[in-house]
Amino acid sequence: MQQATPIGGGPDRARAQPLQTRPPLAIDVVRAQDLPYNEFLNEYVRKNRPVVIADSVREWPALNRWTPGYFRDKFGNQTVQVSYTKRMAMRDFVDAVEASTVDAPGPYLYRLFIHDHLPQLLADLRPQNAYAFAGRHASPLIPERWRRPDGFLKLLMGGVGSKFPVMHYDLEHAHAQITEIYGDKEFYLFPPEDGDKLYPRPGQKNWSQVENPAAPDLSRFPRMAEATAYRAVLKPGQTIFIPMLWWHAARPLSISISVCTALMDRSNWPGFVEDVCDRSKNSAAKTALKRFYLKGAGSVMQVMENLQTATPLLAKRLKFPSALSPASPDFAKDPSETPMKFRLSVE
């Protein structure tokens, strides 16, 4: 029997064609003045679609104040938590950021919770970003372990060549928002359905083994050629919304300073409940009770949110609907107005 010949001129020709990744798709960019909050919820949060929002924080003093030199001069002697395992004096950290290169990457700061570690910065982040408020994280109905009225507000900083350690998606079905303040940062996103093409780490399903999604090693990770990448370059004053379960990686294209938060609402609450219950170390009975409570709390919060949407004036007079679960930034208290303490341990 005659052997079939591959299209393109035979086996040697076929071997000469290396695998290639598809060109990344652009993420929608919408101006804040053209994106009312309800439209943001309906078109992006509820549909689990990423978006970049331009001019999202035009009034933030941080845009005119935050530079590497500002952090060196104002907080130089303060020791900060750079990563899970590394602590540095801010002055030394900023020096390393400024010296960072592609060939000799410096550290990347991603474990500094602003309310707890540098509350002096909060005044520079007012008024709160309308697209990045905490939602159900602020509710007193959520157990203390996950209650975070500021949305886990963190400071991110790094230089050229640095990056967050791994491509990943956020656990507990969290939506993430990152707002750029200084410099430019490149983002690569992949939809949840491409997860099996991104080579999750054994035993750590939300971390990818792929080190560079912009130019993956296809000899090691050939299925990356089938994945659909989305790319955006975030500039000062812009916010990127990264929906739940979307894989993402970021790297500074210049020295970059940004902040990130998490959003929880009805769209990701069911996934949050299942995640935290599946990971429970309690007995089966206690886990079932926790699941029952969280599902009930979600139902109550949805009623409170519906009241705010349907009858906003009445909801504001009653006050308790927004106290139990703020439905939008119009009802939410700005967490930067009052000092707060949180438990940082999230299981």
C-alpha atoms as a PDB file:
ATOM      1  CA  MET A   1       0.000   0.000   0.000  1.00  0.00           C
ATOM      2  CA  GLN A   2       1.298   3.440  -0.868  1.00  0.00           C
ATOM      3  CA  GLN A   3       1.906   5.675   2.148  1.00  0.00           C
ATOM      4  CA  ALA A   4      -0.072   8.910   2.228  1.00  0.00           C
ATOM      5  CA  THR A   5       2.028  12.007   1.676  1.00  0.00           C
ATOM      6  CA  PRO A   6       1.417  14.954   4.022  1.00  0.00           C
ATOM      7  CA  ILE A   7       0.227  18.142   2.365  1.00  0.00           C
ATOM      8  CA  GLY A   8       3.158  20.436   1.777  1.00  0.00           C
ATOM      9  CA  GLY A   9       5.746  18.162   0.222  1.00  0.00           C
ATOM     10  CA  GLY A  10       6.461  15.061   2.308  1.00  0.00           C
ATOM     11  CA  PRO A  11       7.675  14.163   5.790  1.00  0.00           C
ATOM     12  CA  ASP A  12      10.774  16.358   5.696  1.00  0.00           C
ATOM     13  CA  ARG A  13       8.677  19.338   4.709  1.00  0.00           C
ATOM     14  CA  ALA A  14       6.176  18.588   7.485  1.00  0.00           C
ATOM     15  CA  ARG A  15       8.942  18.374  10.071  1.00  0.00           C
ATOM     16  CA  ALA A  16      10.278  21.708   8.893  1.00  0.00           C
ATOM     17  CA  GLN A  17       7.079  23.465   9.921  1.00  0.00           C
ATOM     18  CA  PRO A  18       7.429  24.307  13.643  1.00  0.00           C
ATOM     19  CA  LEU A  19       4.406  24.702  15.849  1.00  0.00           C
ATOM     20  CA  GLN A  20       3.366  28.298  16.287  1.00  0.00           C
ATOM     21  CA  THR A  21       1.096  30.049  18.724  1.00  0.00           C
ATOM     22  CA  ARG A  22      -1.832  32.020  17.390  1.00  0.00           C
ATOM     23  CA  PRO A  23      -1.520  35.820  17.435  1.00  0.00           C
ATOM     24  CA  PRO A  24      -3.133  37.137  20.623  1.00  0.00           C
ATOM     25  CA  LEU A  25      -6.527  38.768  20.420  1.00  0.00           C
ATOM     26  CA  ALA A  26      -7.070  42.295  21.713  1.00  0.00           C
ATOM     27  CA  ILE A  27      -9.091  42.863  24.871  1.00  0.00           C
ATOM     28  CA  ASP A  28     -11.917  45.394  24.655  1.00  0.00           C
ATOM     29  CA  VAL A  29     -10.917  48.909  25.757  1.00  0.00           C
ATOM     30  CA  VAL A  30     -13.833  51.080  26.920  1.00  0.00           C
ATOM     31  CA  ARG A  31     -13.731  54.578  28.391  1.00  0.00           C
ATOM     32  CA  ALA A  32     -15.209  54.886  31.858  1.00  0.00           C
ATOM     33  CA  GLN A  33     -17.553  57.647  30.707  1.00  0.00           C
ATOM     34  CA  ASP A  34     -18.997  55.188  28.183  1.00  0.00           C
ATOM     35  CA  LEU A  35     -19.387  52.310  30.634  1.00  0.00           C
ATOM     36  CA  PRO A  36     -22.024  52.737  33.358  1.00  0.00           C
ATOM     37  CA  TYR A  37     -21.556  50.320  36.229  1.00  0.00           C
ATOM     38  CA  ASN A  38     -24.681  48.306  35.386  1.00  0.00           C
ATOM     39  CA  GLU A  39     -23.437  47.864  31.824  1.00  0.00           C
ATOM     40  CA  PHE A  40     -20.072  46.750  33.182  1.00  0.00           C
ATOM     41  CA  LEU A  41     -21.875  44.119  35.261  1.00  0.00           C
ATOM     42  CA  ASN A  42     -24.119  42.938  32.441  1.00  0.00           C
ATOM     43  CA  GLU A  43     -21.626  42.922  29.574  1.00  0.00           C
ATOM     44  CA  TYR A  44     -18.444  41.823  31.320  1.00  0.00           C
ATOM     45  CA  VAL A  45     -18.911  40.542  34.881  1.00  0.00           C
ATOM     46  CA  ARG A  46     -22.029  38.448  34.205  1.00  0.00           C
ATOM     47  CA  LYS A  47     -20.676  37.223  30.845  1.00  0.00           C
ATOM     48  CA  ASN A  48     -17.224  36.496  32.295  1.00  0.00           C
ATOM     49  CA  ARG A  49     -15.482  38.658  29.672  1.00  0.00           C
ATOM     50  CA  PRO A  50     -12.301  40.669  30.288  1.00  0.00           C
ATOM     51  CA  VAL A  51     -12.202  44.392  29.590  1.00  0.00           C
ATOM     52  CA  VAL A  52      -9.821  47.331  29.965  1.00  0.00           C
ATOM     53  CA  ILE A  53     -11.455  50.480  31.316  1.00  0.00           C
ATOM     54  CA  ALA A  54      -9.716  53.741  30.407  1.00  0.00           C
ATOM     55  CA  ASP A  55      -9.854  56.837  32.645  1.00  0.00           C
ATOM     56  CA  SER A  56     -11.196  54.747  35.506  1.00  0.00           C
ATOM     57  CA  VAL A  57      -9.431  56.715  38.265  1.00  0.00           C
ATOM     58  CA  ARG A  58      -8.809  60.179  36.833  1.00  0.00           C
ATOM     59  CA  GLU A  59      -9.044  61.865  40.262  1.00  0.00           C
ATOM     60  CA  TRP A  60      -6.593  59.652  42.125  1.00  0.00           C
ATOM     61  CA  PRO A  61      -3.698  61.666  43.608  1.00  0.00           C
ATOM     62  CA  ALA A  62      -1.572  58.543  43.163  1.00  0.00           C
ATOM     63  CA  LEU A  63      -1.410  59.176  39.408  1.00  0.00           C
ATOM     64  CA  ASN A  64       0.607  62.346  40.028  1.00  0.00           C
ATOM     65  CA  ARG A  65       2.442  61.225  43.144  1.00  0.00           C
ATOM     66  CA  TRP A  66       3.490  57.590  42.982  1.00  0.00           C
ATOM     67  CA  THR A  67       6.931  57.063  41.481  1.00  0.00           C
ATOM     68  CA  PRO A  68       9.822  54.818  42.510  1.00  0.00           C
ATOM     69  CA  GLY A  69      11.477  57.830  44.099  1.00  0.00           C
ATOM     70  CA  TYR A  70       8.340  58.624  46.104  1.00  0.00           C
ATOM     71  CA  PHE A  71       8.353  55.170  47.687  1.00  0.00           C
ATOM     72  CA  ARG A  72      12.094  55.309  48.344  1.00  0.00           C
ATOM     73  CA  ASP A  73      11.926  58.737  49.986  1.00  0.00           C
ATOM     74  CA  LYS A  74       8.714  58.271  51.983  1.00  0.00           C
ATOM     75  CA  PHE A  75       8.988  54.619  53.051  1.00  0.00           C
ATOM     76  CA  GLY A  76      12.674  53.825  52.501  1.00  0.00           C
ATOM     77  CA  ASN A  77      13.366  52.478  55.982  1.00  0.00           C
ATOM     78  CA  GLN A  78      10.186  50.405  56.204  1.00  0.00           C
ATOM     79  CA  THR A  79      10.485  46.649  55.755  1.00  0.00           C
ATOM     80  CA  VAL A  80       7.878  45.327  53.340  1.00  0.00           C
ATOM     81  CA  GLN A  81       6.639  41.858  52.411  1.00  0.00           C
ATOM     82  CA  VAL A  82       7.692  41.535  48.770  1.00  0.00           C
ATOM     83  CA  SER A  83       6.613  37.935  48.170  1.00  0.00           C
ATOM     84  CA  TYR A  84       5.493  34.975  50.260  1.00  0.00           C
ATOM     85  CA  THR A  85       9.059  34.380  51.443  1.00  0.00           C
ATOM     86  CA  LYS A  86      10.979  37.631  50.920  1.00  0.00           C
ATOM     87  CA  ARG A  87      11.060  40.811  52.995  1.00  0.00           C
ATOM     88  CA  MET A  88      13.151  43.871  52.136  1.00  0.00           C
ATOM     89  CA  ALA A  89      13.629  47.465  53.167  1.00  0.00           C
ATOM     90  CA  MET A  90      11.604  49.588  50.748  1.00  0.00           C
ATOM     91  CA  ARG A  91      14.726  51.533  49.788  1.00  0.00           C
ATOM     92  CA  ASP A  92      16.584  48.366  48.809  1.00  0.00           C
ATOM     93  CA  PHE A  93      13.552  47.049  46.986  1.00  0.00           C
ATOM     94  CA  VAL A  94      13.141  50.209  44.889  1.00  0.00           C
ATOM     95  CA  ASP A  95      16.864  50.174  44.065  1.00  0.00           C
ATOM     96  CA  ALA A  96      16.484  46.590  42.838  1.00  0.00           C
ATOM     97  CA  VAL A  97      13.421  47.516  40.781  1.00  0.00           C
ATOM     98  CA  GLU A  98      15.297  50.350  39.076  1.00  0.00           C
ATOM     99  CA  ALA A  99      18.236  48.035  38.344  1.00  0.00           C
ATOM    100  CA  SER A 100      16.034  45.238  36.986  1.00  0.00           C
ATOM    101  CA  THR A 101      16.668  44.102  33.417  1.00  0.00           C
ATOM    102  CA  VAL A 102      15.462  41.311  31.169  1.00  0.00           C
ATOM    103  CA  ASP A 103      18.747  39.458  31.714  1.00  0.00           C
ATOM    104  CA  ALA A 104      18.926  40.186  35.446  1.00  0.00           C
ATOM    105  CA  PRO A 105      15.337  40.495  36.746  1.00  0.00           C
ATOM    106  CA  GLY A 106      14.750  42.222  40.037  1.00  0.00           C
ATOM    107  CA  PRO A 107      12.086  41.372  42.629  1.00  0.00           C
ATOM    108  CA  TYR A 108       8.373  41.825  42.002  1.00  0.00           C
ATOM    109  CA  LEU A 109       6.230  43.038  44.903  1.00  0.00           C
ATOM    110  CA  TYR A 110       2.856  41.308  45.186  1.00  0.00           C
ATOM    111  CA  ARG A 111       2.195  40.643  48.889  1.00  0.00           C
ATOM    112  CA  LEU A 112       1.765  44.129  50.315  1.00  0.00           C
ATOM    113  CA  PHE A 113      -1.778  44.701  51.637  1.00  0.00           C
ATOM    114  CA  ILE A 114      -2.182  48.465  51.740  1.00  0.00           C
ATOM    115  CA  HIS A 115      -4.662  48.738  54.641  1.00  0.00           C
ATOM    116  CA  ASP A 116      -2.411  46.684  56.875  1.00  0.00           C
ATOM    117  CA  HIS A 117       1.097  47.590  55.757  1.00  0.00           C
ATOM    118  CA  LEU A 118       1.005  51.104  54.238  1.00  0.00           C
ATOM    119  CA  PRO A 119      -2.303  52.732  55.223  1.00  0.00           C
ATOM    120  CA  GLN A 120      -0.731  56.127  54.531  1.00  0.00           C
ATOM    121  CA  LEU A 121      -1.296  55.409  50.839  1.00  0.00           C
ATOM    122  CA  LEU A 122      -5.080  55.158  51.113  1.00  0.00           C
ATOM    123  CA  ALA A 123      -5.665  58.887  50.717  1.00  0.00           C
ATOM    124  CA  ASP A 124      -4.019  58.677  47.292  1.00  0.00           C
ATOM    125  CA  LEU A 125      -6.638  56.138  46.119  1.00  0.00           C
ATOM    126  CA  ARG A 126      -9.785  58.240  46.545  1.00  0.00           C
ATOM    127  CA  PRO A 127     -12.481  58.270  45.365  1.00  0.00           C
ATOM    128  CA  GLN A 128     -12.629  54.480  45.176  1.00  0.00           C
ATOM    129  CA  ASN A 129     -12.493  52.901  41.753  1.00  0.00           C
ATOM    130  CA  ALA A 130     -16.106  52.307  40.730  1.00  0.00           C
ATOM    131  CA  TYR A 131     -15.144  49.142  38.836  1.00  0.00           C
ATOM    132  CA  ALA A 132     -13.092  47.648  41.655  1.00  0.00           C
ATOM    133  CA  PHE A 133     -15.105  47.766  44.839  1.00  0.00           C
ATOM    134  CA  ALA A 134     -15.322  44.698  47.039  1.00  0.00           C
ATOM    135  CA  GLY A 135     -18.992  43.749  46.694  1.00  0.00           C
ATOM    136  CA  ARG A 136     -19.875  40.752  48.857  1.00  0.00           C
ATOM    137  CA  HIS A 137     -16.432  40.693  50.426  1.00  0.00           C
ATOM    138  CA  ALA A 138     -17.707  43.661  52.457  1.00  0.00           C
ATOM    139  CA  SER A 139     -20.815  41.914  53.770  1.00  0.00           C
ATOM    140  CA  PRO A 140     -21.051  41.055  57.490  1.00  0.00           C
ATOM    141  CA  LEU A 141     -22.805  37.868  56.369  1.00  0.00           C
ATOM    142  CA  ILE A 142     -19.602  36.454  54.924  1.00  0.00           C
ATOM    143  CA  PRO A 143     -17.448  34.573  57.468  1.00  0.00           C
ATOM    144  CA  GLU A 144     -14.616  36.609  58.926  1.00  0.00           C
ATOM    145  CA  ARG A 145     -11.972  34.565  57.140  1.00  0.00           C
ATOM    146  CA  TRP A 146     -13.124  35.944  53.786  1.00  0.00           C
ATOM    147  CA  ARG A 147     -14.507  39.325  54.872  1.00  0.00           C
ATOM    148  CA  ARG A 148     -12.440  42.041  53.282  1.00  0.00           C
ATOM    149  CA  PRO A 149     -14.251  45.374  52.755  1.00  0.00           C
ATOM    150  CA  ASP A 150     -11.348  46.745  50.719  1.00  0.00           C
ATOM    151  CA  GLY A 151     -11.373  43.843  48.253  1.00  0.00           C
ATOM    152  CA  PHE A 152      -7.903  42.655  49.342  1.00  0.00           C
ATOM    153  CA  LEU A 153      -6.335  45.904  48.086  1.00  0.00           C
ATOM    154  CA  LYS A 154      -2.669  45.234  47.285  1.00  0.00           C
ATOM    155  CA  LEU A 155       0.270  47.220  45.954  1.00  0.00           C
ATOM    156  CA  LEU A 156       2.152  45.758  42.969  1.00  0.00           C
ATOM    157  CA  MET A 157       5.546  46.996  41.797  1.00  0.00           C
ATOM    158  CA  GLY A 158       8.321  45.700  39.564  1.00  0.00           C
ATOM    159  CA  GLY A 159      10.838  46.603  36.915  1.00  0.00           C
ATOM    160  CA  VAL A 160      11.651  45.396  33.417  1.00  0.00           C
ATOM    161  CA  GLY A 161      12.298  41.651  33.423  1.00  0.00           C
ATOM    162  CA  SER A 162      10.351  41.002  36.613  1.00  0.00           C
ATOM    163  CA  LYS A 163       6.944  39.355  36.748  1.00  0.00           C
ATOM    164  CA  PHE A 164       4.428  37.648  38.972  1.00  0.00           C
ATOM    165  CA  PRO A 165       5.924  34.202  39.626  1.00  0.00           C
ATOM    166  CA  VAL A 166       3.475  32.116  37.583  1.00  0.00           C
ATOM    167  CA  MET A 167       0.651  32.211  35.077  1.00  0.00           C
ATOM    168  CA  HIS A 168      -2.409  31.297  37.121  1.00  0.00           C
ATOM    169  CA  TYR A 169      -6.063  31.852  37.809  1.00  0.00           C
ATOM    170  CA  ASP A 170      -7.340  33.137  41.146  1.00  0.00           C
ATOM    171  CA  LEU A 171      -8.810  30.633  43.555  1.00  0.00           C
ATOM    172  CA  GLU A 172     -12.287  30.881  45.077  1.00  0.00           C
ATOM    173  CA  HIS A 173     -13.708  32.035  41.727  1.00  0.00           C
ATOM    174  CA  ALA A 174     -12.505  35.582  42.448  1.00  0.00           C
ATOM    175  CA  HIS A 175     -12.810  38.325  39.839  1.00  0.00           C
ATOM    176  CA  ALA A 176      -9.672  40.499  39.803  1.00  0.00           C
ATOM    177  CA  GLN A 177      -9.104  44.112  38.849  1.00  0.00           C
ATOM    178  CA  ILE A 178      -5.696  45.730  38.401  1.00  0.00           C
ATOM    179  CA  THR A 179      -5.328  49.489  38.045  1.00  0.00           C
ATOM    180  CA  GLU A 180      -2.101  50.868  36.598  1.00  0.00           C
ATOM    181  CA  ILE A 181      -0.683  53.976  38.244  1.00  0.00           C
ATOM    182  CA  TYR A 182       2.869  54.325  36.910  1.00  0.00           C
ATOM    183  CA  GLY A 183       4.474  52.792  33.827  1.00  0.00           C
ATOM    184  CA  ASP A 184       3.138  50.156  31.434  1.00  0.00           C
ATOM    185  CA  LYS A 185       2.299  46.520  32.154  1.00  0.00           C
ATOM    186  CA  GLU A 186       1.572  43.755  29.656  1.00  0.00           C
ATOM    187  CA  PHE A 187      -1.119  41.165  30.370  1.00  0.00           C
ATOM    188  CA  TYR A 188      -1.725  37.795  28.728  1.00  0.00           C
ATOM    189  CA  LEU A 189      -5.077  36.134  29.437  1.00  0.00           C
ATOM    190  CA  PHE A 190      -6.478  32.732  28.472  1.00  0.00           C
ATOM    191  CA  PRO A 191     -10.123  31.661  28.871  1.00  0.00           C
ATOM    192  CA  PRO A 192     -11.084  28.939  31.364  1.00  0.00           C
ATOM    193  CA  GLU A 193     -11.826  26.403  28.632  1.00  0.00           C
ATOM    194  CA  ASP A 194      -8.163  26.469  27.576  1.00  0.00           C
ATOM    195  CA  GLY A 195      -6.950  25.307  30.968  1.00  0.00           C
ATOM    196  CA  ASP A 196      -5.915  21.825  29.823  1.00  0.00           C
ATOM    197  CA  LYS A 197      -3.731  23.424  27.116  1.00  0.00           C
ATOM    198  CA  LEU A 198      -1.832  25.503  29.682  1.00  0.00           C
ATOM    199  CA  TYR A 199      -0.269  22.561  31.528  1.00  0.00           C
ATOM    200  CA  PRO A 200      -1.521  23.010  35.118  1.00  0.00           C
ATOM    201  CA  ARG A 201       0.964  21.945  37.743  1.00  0.00           C
ATOM    202  CA  PRO A 202       0.314  18.562  39.339  1.00  0.00           C
ATOM    203  CA  GLY A 203      -1.279  19.156  42.719  1.00  0.00           C
ATOM    204  CA  GLN A 204      -1.784  22.885  42.048  1.00  0.00           C
ATOM    205  CA  LYS A 205      -4.509  23.141  39.461  1.00  0.00           C
ATOM    206  CA  ASN A 206      -4.532  26.957  39.219  1.00  0.00           C
ATOM    207  CA  TRP A 207      -0.804  27.338  38.409  1.00  0.00           C
ATOM    208  CA  SER A 208       0.586  26.786  34.926  1.00  0.00           C
ATOM    209  CA  GLN A 209       3.945  25.210  34.166  1.00  0.00           C
ATOM    210  CA  VAL A 210       4.352  27.588  31.195  1.00  0.00           C
ATOM    211  CA  GLU A 211       6.858  30.265  32.143  1.00  0.00           C
ATOM    212  CA  ASN A 212       6.379  32.691  29.264  1.00  0.00           C
ATOM    213  CA  PRO A 213       2.897  32.689  27.695  1.00  0.00           C
ATOM    214  CA  ALA A 214       3.987  35.315  25.167  1.00  0.00           C
ATOM    215  CA  ALA A 215       6.603  32.940  23.710  1.00  0.00           C
ATOM    216  CA  PRO A 216       6.080  29.471  25.191  1.00  0.00           C
ATOM    217  CA  ASP A 217       8.497  26.619  24.613  1.00  0.00           C
ATOM    218  CA  LEU A 218       6.335  24.554  22.247  1.00  0.00           C
ATOM    219  CA  SER A 219       8.741  21.647  22.331  1.00  0.00           C
ATOM    220  CA  ARG A 220       7.770  21.234  25.997  1.00  0.00           C
ATOM    221  CA  PHE A 221       4.230  22.606  25.811  1.00  0.00           C
ATOM    222  CA  PRO A 222       2.931  21.824  22.299  1.00  0.00           C
ATOM    223  CA  ARG A 223      -0.750  22.276  23.189  1.00  0.00           C
ATOM    224  CA  MET A 224      -0.092  25.956  23.869  1.00  0.00           C
ATOM    225  CA  ALA A 225      -0.246  26.319  20.070  1.00  0.00           C
ATOM    226  CA  GLU A 226      -3.981  25.545  20.321  1.00  0.00           C
ATOM    227  CA  ALA A 227      -4.722  28.026  23.116  1.00  0.00           C
ATOM    228  CA  THR A 228      -6.401  31.372  22.501  1.00  0.00           C
ATOM    229  CA  ALA A 229      -4.449  34.233  24.058  1.00  0.00           C
ATOM    230  CA  TYR A 230      -5.744  37.725  24.781  1.00  0.00           C
ATOM    231  CA  ARG A 231      -3.302  40.584  25.245  1.00  0.00           C
ATOM    232  CA  ALA A 232      -3.490  44.086  26.661  1.00  0.00           C
ATOM    233  CA  VAL A 233      -0.974  46.723  27.684  1.00  0.00           C
ATOM    234  CA  LEU A 234      -2.238  48.598  30.714  1.00  0.00           C
ATOM    235  CA  LYS A 235      -1.316  52.276  30.978  1.00  0.00           C
ATOM    236  CA  PRO A 236      -1.631  54.723  33.887  1.00  0.00           C
ATOM    237  CA  GLY A 237      -5.246  55.403  34.780  1.00  0.00           C
ATOM    238  CA  GLN A 238      -6.545  52.180  33.227  1.00  0.00           C
ATOM    239  CA  THR A 239      -8.142  49.201  34.978  1.00  0.00           C
ATOM    240  CA  ILE A 240      -8.233  45.659  33.632  1.00  0.00           C
ATOM    241  CA  PHE A 241     -11.031  43.340  34.718  1.00  0.00           C
ATOM    242  CA  ILE A 242      -9.936  39.688  34.821  1.00  0.00           C
ATOM    243  CA  PRO A 243     -12.967  37.416  35.216  1.00  0.00           C
ATOM    244  CA  MET A 244     -13.086  34.359  37.442  1.00  0.00           C
ATOM    245  CA  LEU A 245     -11.122  31.313  36.277  1.00  0.00           C
ATOM    246  CA  TRP A 246      -9.339  33.225  33.492  1.00  0.00           C
ATOM    247  CA  TRP A 247      -5.657  32.364  33.389  1.00  0.00           C
ATOM    248  CA  HIS A 248      -3.416  35.418  33.430  1.00  0.00           C
ATOM    249  CA  ALA A 249       0.182  36.543  33.578  1.00  0.00           C
ATOM    250  CA  ALA A 250       1.614  40.052  33.761  1.00  0.00           C
ATOM    251  CA  ARG A 251       5.006  41.618  33.250  1.00  0.00           C
ATOM    252  CA  PRO A 252       6.159  45.251  33.465  1.00  0.00           C
ATOM    253  CA  LEU A 253       7.267  46.785  30.176  1.00  0.00           C
ATOM    254  CA  SER A 254       8.826  49.598  32.181  1.00  0.00           C
ATOM    255  CA  ILE A 255       8.983  50.225  35.912  1.00  0.00           C
ATOM    256  CA  SER A 256       5.391  49.572  36.898  1.00  0.00           C
ATOM    257  CA  ILE A 257       3.314  50.489  39.946  1.00  0.00           C
ATOM    258  CA  SER A 258      -0.284  49.319  40.233  1.00  0.00           C
ATOM    259  CA  VAL A 259      -2.915  48.185  42.711  1.00  0.00           C
ATOM    260  CA  CYS A 260      -5.233  45.202  42.580  1.00  0.00           C
ATOM    261  CA  THR A 261      -8.496  44.201  44.219  1.00  0.00           C
ATOM    262  CA  ALA A 262     -11.000  41.342  44.127  1.00  0.00           C
ATOM    263  CA  LEU A 263     -14.739  41.532  43.416  1.00  0.00           C
ATOM    264  CA  MET A 264     -17.386  39.116  44.591  1.00  0.00           C
ATOM    265  CA  ASP A 265     -21.058  39.254  43.606  1.00  0.00           C
ATOM    266  CA  ARG A 266     -23.822  36.911  42.513  1.00  0.00           C
ATOM    267  CA  SER A 267     -21.880  35.859  39.414  1.00  0.00           C
ATOM    268  CA  ASN A 268     -19.056  34.173  41.323  1.00  0.00           C
ATOM    269  CA  TRP A 269     -20.738  33.433  44.668  1.00  0.00           C
ATOM    270  CA  PRO A 270     -21.828  29.845  43.773  1.00  0.00           C
ATOM    271  CA  GLY A 271     -18.287  28.996  42.680  1.00  0.00           C
ATOM    272  CA  PHE A 272     -16.863  30.590  45.824  1.00  0.00           C
ATOM    273  CA  VAL A 273     -19.158  28.461  47.989  1.00  0.00           C
ATOM    274  CA  GLU A 274     -18.158  25.245  46.253  1.00  0.00           C
ATOM    275  CA  ASP A 275     -14.461  26.126  46.339  1.00  0.00           C
ATOM    276  CA  VAL A 276     -14.294  26.921  50.041  1.00  0.00           C
ATOM    277  CA  CYS A 277     -16.432  23.935  50.960  1.00  0.00           C
ATOM    278  CA  ASP A 278     -14.506  21.502  48.774  1.00  0.00           C
ATOM    279  CA  ARG A 279     -11.288  22.644  50.459  1.00  0.00           C
ATOM    280  CA  SER A 280     -12.757  22.423  53.953  1.00  0.00           C
ATOM    281  CA  LYS A 281     -10.750  20.544  56.581  1.00  0.00           C
ATOM    282  CA  ASN A 282     -13.867  20.043  58.669  1.00  0.00           C
ATOM    283  CA  SER A 283     -15.908  16.887  59.032  1.00  0.00           C
ATOM    284  CA  ALA A 284     -18.534  16.060  56.434  1.00  0.00           C
ATOM    285  CA  ALA A 285     -21.273  17.315  58.761  1.00  0.00           C
ATOM    286  CA  LYS A 286     -19.531  20.653  59.427  1.00  0.00           C
ATOM    287  CA  THR A 287     -18.772  21.080  55.732  1.00  0.00           C
ATOM    288  CA  ALA A 288     -22.418  20.480  54.860  1.00  0.00           C
ATOM    289  CA  LEU A 289     -23.442  23.030  57.493  1.00  0.00           C
ATOM    290  CA  LYS A 290     -20.984  25.574  56.082  1.00  0.00           C
ATOM    291  CA  ARG A 291     -22.318  25.022  52.574  1.00  0.00           C
ATOM    292  CA  PHE A 292     -25.902  25.417  53.825  1.00  0.00           C
ATOM    293  CA  TYR A 293     -25.040  28.675  55.613  1.00  0.00           C
ATOM    294  CA  LEU A 294     -23.149  30.180  52.666  1.00  0.00           C
ATOM    295  CA  LYS A 295     -25.889  29.330  50.187  1.00  0.00           C
ATOM    296  CA  GLY A 296     -28.454  30.910  52.511  1.00  0.00           C
ATOM    297  CA  ALA A 297     -26.280  33.991  53.009  1.00  0.00           C
ATOM    298  CA  GLY A 298     -25.982  34.309  49.236  1.00  0.00           C
ATOM    299  CA  SER A 299     -29.764  34.242  48.865  1.00  0.00           C
ATOM    300  CA  VAL A 300     -30.158  36.972  51.501  1.00  0.00           C
ATOM    301  CA  MET A 301     -27.480  39.111  49.860  1.00  0.00           C
ATOM    302  CA  GLN A 302     -29.159  38.754  46.478  1.00  0.00           C
ATOM    303  CA  VAL A 303     -32.451  39.988  47.934  1.00  0.00           C
ATOM    304  CA  MET A 304     -30.641  42.977  49.452  1.00  0.00           C
ATOM    305  CA  GLU A 305     -28.933  43.728  46.148  1.00  0.00           C
ATOM    306  CA  ASN A 306     -32.210  43.472  44.251  1.00  0.00           C
ATOM    307  CA  LEU A 307     -33.781  45.986  46.631  1.00  0.00           C
ATOM    308  CA  GLN A 308     -30.999  48.463  45.921  1.00  0.00           C
ATOM    309  CA  THR A 309     -31.415  48.004  42.176  1.00  0.00           C
ATOM    310  CA  ALA A 310     -35.204  48.107  42.076  1.00  0.00           C
ATOM    311  CA  THR A 311     -35.853  50.775  44.733  1.00  0.00           C
ATOM    312  CA  PRO A 312     -32.604  52.695  45.301  1.00  0.00           C
ATOM    313  CA  LEU A 313     -34.183  55.574  47.237  1.00  0.00           C
ATOM    314  CA  LEU A 314     -35.989  53.231  49.609  1.00  0.00           C
ATOM    315  CA  ALA A 315     -32.872  51.102  50.018  1.00  0.00           C
ATOM    316  CA  LYS A 316     -30.827  54.172  50.967  1.00  0.00           C
ATOM    317  CA  ARG A 317     -33.407  55.203  53.551  1.00  0.00           C
ATOM    318  CA  LEU A 318     -33.560  51.714  55.022  1.00  0.00           C
ATOM    319  CA  LYS A 319     -29.728  51.453  55.074  1.00  0.00           C
ATOM    320  CA  PHE A 320     -29.665  47.764  56.014  1.00  0.00           C
ATOM    321  CA  PRO A 321     -29.775  46.460  52.397  1.00  0.00           C
ATOM    322  CA  SER A 322     -26.472  48.122  51.534  1.00  0.00           C
ATOM    323  CA  ALA A 323     -25.036  47.287  54.954  1.00  0.00           C
ATOM    324  CA  LEU A 324     -25.712  43.601  54.341  1.00  0.00           C
ATOM    325  CA  SER A 325     -24.509  43.577  50.731  1.00  0.00           C
ATOM    326  CA  PRO A 326     -23.692  46.728  48.742  1.00  0.00           C
ATOM    327  CA  ALA A 327     -24.981  46.289  45.196  1.00  0.00           C
ATOM    328  CA  SER A 328     -22.800  48.923  43.553  1.00  0.00           C
ATOM    329  CA  PRO A 329     -20.237  51.614  44.366  1.00  0.00           C
ATOM    330  CA  ASP A 330     -23.142  54.049  44.864  1.00  0.00           C
ATOM    331  CA  PHE A 331     -24.147  52.088  47.957  1.00  0.00           C
ATOM    332  CA  ALA A 332     -20.733  50.967  49.141  1.00  0.00           C
ATOM    333  CA  LYS A 333     -18.809  52.734  51.832  1.00  0.00           C
ATOM    334  CA  ASP A 334     -15.339  53.753  50.717  1.00  0.00           C
ATOM    335  CA  PRO A 335     -13.108  51.410  52.751  1.00  0.00           C
ATOM    336  CA  SER A 336     -10.282  53.971  52.698  1.00  0.00           C
ATOM    337  CA  GLU A 337     -12.305  56.332  54.890  1.00  0.00           C
ATOM    338  CA  THR A 338     -11.856  54.304  58.073  1.00  0.00           C
ATOM    339  CA  PRO A 339      -8.968  52.160  59.327  1.00  0.00           C
ATOM    340  CA  MET A 340      -9.685  48.435  59.242  1.00  0.00           C
ATOM    341  CA  LYS A 341      -7.950  45.302  60.372  1.00  0.00           C
ATOM    342  CA  PHE A 342      -8.324  42.017  58.597  1.00  0.00           C
ATOM    343  CA  ARG A 343      -7.311  38.441  58.978  1.00  0.00           C
ATOM    344  CA  LEU A 344      -5.018  37.760  56.053  1.00  0.00           C
ATOM    345  CA  SER A 345      -5.193  33.968  56.268  1.00  0.00           C
ATOM    346  CA  VAL A 346      -7.370  32.676  53.432  1.00  0.00           C
ATOM    347  CA  GLU A 347      -7.713  28.925  53.109  1.00  0.00           C
END
